[in-house]
Amino acid sequence: MSKIEKYGRYVRKVGYLDIRQKIKFATKVKDRVTGELKVVPGVVEILLYHGKKLVESGFKSHTDAEKRAKEIQKL
């Protein structure tokens, strides 16, 4: 498993925190019971890391993650 698969791609640094993003693309999966092809939608995860430690996840955009990183640094 590579670093990109494990932690996501590096986007930017905000102070001592890193903003990273994982992208899973849409895939076609065959249903075992009916045999039909179904499309599983893709997912984008935006994460905050301090080194290799995950600080927070579940952001909708990079700007939301950047705002939260600045809030964490003020504490």
C-alpha atoms as a PDB file:
ATOM      1  CA  MET A   1       0.000   0.000   0.000  1.00  0.00           C
ATOM      2  CA  SER A   2       1.445   3.344  -1.012  1.00  0.00           C
ATOM      3  CA  LYS A   3       1.429   6.557   0.993  1.00  0.00           C
ATOM      4  CA  ILE A   4      -1.141   8.090  -1.379  1.00  0.00           C
ATOM      5  CA  GLU A   5      -3.542   5.166  -0.907  1.00  0.00           C
ATOM      6  CA  LYS A   6      -3.133   5.226   2.871  1.00  0.00           C
ATOM      7  CA  TYR A   7      -3.172   8.979   3.639  1.00  0.00           C
ATOM      8  CA  GLY A   8      -4.469  10.563   0.413  1.00  0.00           C
ATOM      9  CA  ARG A   9      -2.919  13.118  -1.902  1.00  0.00           C
ATOM     10  CA  TYR A  10      -1.298  16.201  -0.418  1.00  0.00           C
ATOM     11  CA  VAL A  11      -3.225  19.411  -1.173  1.00  0.00           C
ATOM     12  CA  ARG A  12      -1.744  22.170   1.004  1.00  0.00           C
ATOM     13  CA  LYS A  13      -0.189  23.016   4.334  1.00  0.00           C
ATOM     14  CA  VAL A  14      -1.910  25.300   6.861  1.00  0.00           C
ATOM     15  CA  GLY A  15       0.511  26.034   9.687  1.00  0.00           C
ATOM     16  CA  TYR A  16       1.589  22.649  11.022  1.00  0.00           C
ATOM     17  CA  LEU A  17      -1.436  20.761   9.603  1.00  0.00           C
ATOM     18  CA  ASP A  18      -1.682  19.137   6.164  1.00  0.00           C
ATOM     19  CA  ILE A  19      -4.838  19.004   4.068  1.00  0.00           C
ATOM     20  CA  ARG A  20      -5.071  15.751   2.116  1.00  0.00           C
ATOM     21  CA  GLN A  21      -7.744  14.294  -0.136  1.00  0.00           C
ATOM     22  CA  LYS A  22      -8.689  10.721  -1.034  1.00  0.00           C
ATOM     23  CA  ILE A  23     -10.635  10.071  -4.219  1.00  0.00           C
ATOM     24  CA  LYS A  24     -12.424   6.799  -4.936  1.00  0.00           C
ATOM     25  CA  PHE A  25     -13.797   6.651  -8.463  1.00  0.00           C
ATOM     26  CA  ALA A  26     -17.153   5.190  -9.472  1.00  0.00           C
ATOM     27  CA  THR A  27     -17.041   1.465 -10.209  1.00  0.00           C
ATOM     28  CA  LYS A  28     -19.301  -1.130 -11.780  1.00  0.00           C
ATOM     29  CA  VAL A  29     -20.135  -4.086  -9.531  1.00  0.00           C
ATOM     30  CA  LYS A  30     -21.990  -7.221 -10.528  1.00  0.00           C
ATOM     31  CA  ASP A  31     -24.751  -8.220  -8.090  1.00  0.00           C
ATOM     32  CA  ARG A  32     -24.217 -11.840  -7.001  1.00  0.00           C
ATOM     33  CA  VAL A  33     -27.914 -12.640  -6.646  1.00  0.00           C
ATOM     34  CA  THR A  34     -29.487 -11.056  -9.738  1.00  0.00           C
ATOM     35  CA  GLY A  35     -26.407 -10.802 -11.967  1.00  0.00           C
ATOM     36  CA  GLU A  36     -27.111  -7.148 -12.815  1.00  0.00           C
ATOM     37  CA  LEU A  37     -24.388  -4.534 -13.125  1.00  0.00           C
ATOM     38  CA  LYS A  38     -24.718  -1.718 -10.620  1.00  0.00           C
ATOM     39  CA  VAL A  39     -22.756   1.516 -10.495  1.00  0.00           C
ATOM     40  CA  VAL A  40     -21.284   2.386  -7.098  1.00  0.00           C
ATOM     41  CA  PRO A  41     -20.789   6.165  -6.944  1.00  0.00           C
ATOM     42  CA  GLY A  42     -17.406   7.711  -6.240  1.00  0.00           C
ATOM     43  CA  VAL A  43     -16.438   9.371  -2.966  1.00  0.00           C
ATOM     44  CA  VAL A  44     -14.182  12.316  -2.119  1.00  0.00           C
ATOM     45  CA  GLU A  45     -12.784  12.548   1.423  1.00  0.00           C
ATOM     46  CA  ILE A  46     -10.965  15.638   2.678  1.00  0.00           C
ATOM     47  CA  LEU A  47      -8.805  15.055   5.745  1.00  0.00           C
ATOM     48  CA  LEU A  48      -6.619  17.019   8.173  1.00  0.00           C
ATOM     49  CA  TYR A  49      -3.331  15.421   9.219  1.00  0.00           C
ATOM     50  CA  HIS A  50      -0.519  16.339  11.592  1.00  0.00           C
ATOM     51  CA  GLY A  51       2.323  14.206  10.257  1.00  0.00           C
ATOM     52  CA  LYS A  52       0.897  10.696  10.014  1.00  0.00           C
ATOM     53  CA  LYS A  53      -1.792  11.302  12.652  1.00  0.00           C
ATOM     54  CA  LEU A  54      -5.349  11.953  11.448  1.00  0.00           C
ATOM     55  CA  VAL A  55      -6.728  15.028  13.219  1.00  0.00           C
ATOM     56  CA  GLU A  56     -10.162  15.405  11.578  1.00  0.00           C
ATOM     57  CA  SER A  57     -12.088  14.180   8.557  1.00  0.00           C
ATOM     58  CA  GLY A  58     -15.434  14.572   6.827  1.00  0.00           C
ATOM     59  CA  PHE A  59     -15.058  18.013   5.260  1.00  0.00           C
ATOM     60  CA  LYS A  60     -17.130  19.025   2.233  1.00  0.00           C
ATOM     61  CA  SER A  61     -14.499  21.318   0.676  1.00  0.00           C
ATOM     62  CA  HIS A  62     -10.894  22.428   0.990  1.00  0.00           C
ATOM     63  CA  THR A  63     -11.962  25.837   2.286  1.00  0.00           C
ATOM     64  CA  ASP A  64     -13.903  24.225   5.167  1.00  0.00           C
ATOM     65  CA  ALA A  65     -10.842  22.167   6.070  1.00  0.00           C
ATOM     66  CA  GLU A  66      -8.632  25.264   5.903  1.00  0.00           C
ATOM     67  CA  LYS A  67     -10.957  27.221   8.210  1.00  0.00           C
ATOM     68  CA  ARG A  68     -10.999  24.367  10.720  1.00  0.00           C
ATOM     69  CA  ALA A  69      -7.193  24.062  10.600  1.00  0.00           C
ATOM     70  CA  LYS A  70      -6.867  27.764  11.420  1.00  0.00           C
ATOM     71  CA  GLU A  71      -9.318  27.348  14.342  1.00  0.00           C
ATOM     72  CA  ILE A  72      -7.317  24.424  15.720  1.00  0.00           C
ATOM     73  CA  GLN A  73      -4.086  26.415  15.567  1.00  0.00           C
ATOM     74  CA  LYS A  74      -5.601  29.334  17.535  1.00  0.00           C
ATOM     75  CA  LEU A  75      -6.430  27.037  20.479  1.00  0.00           C
END
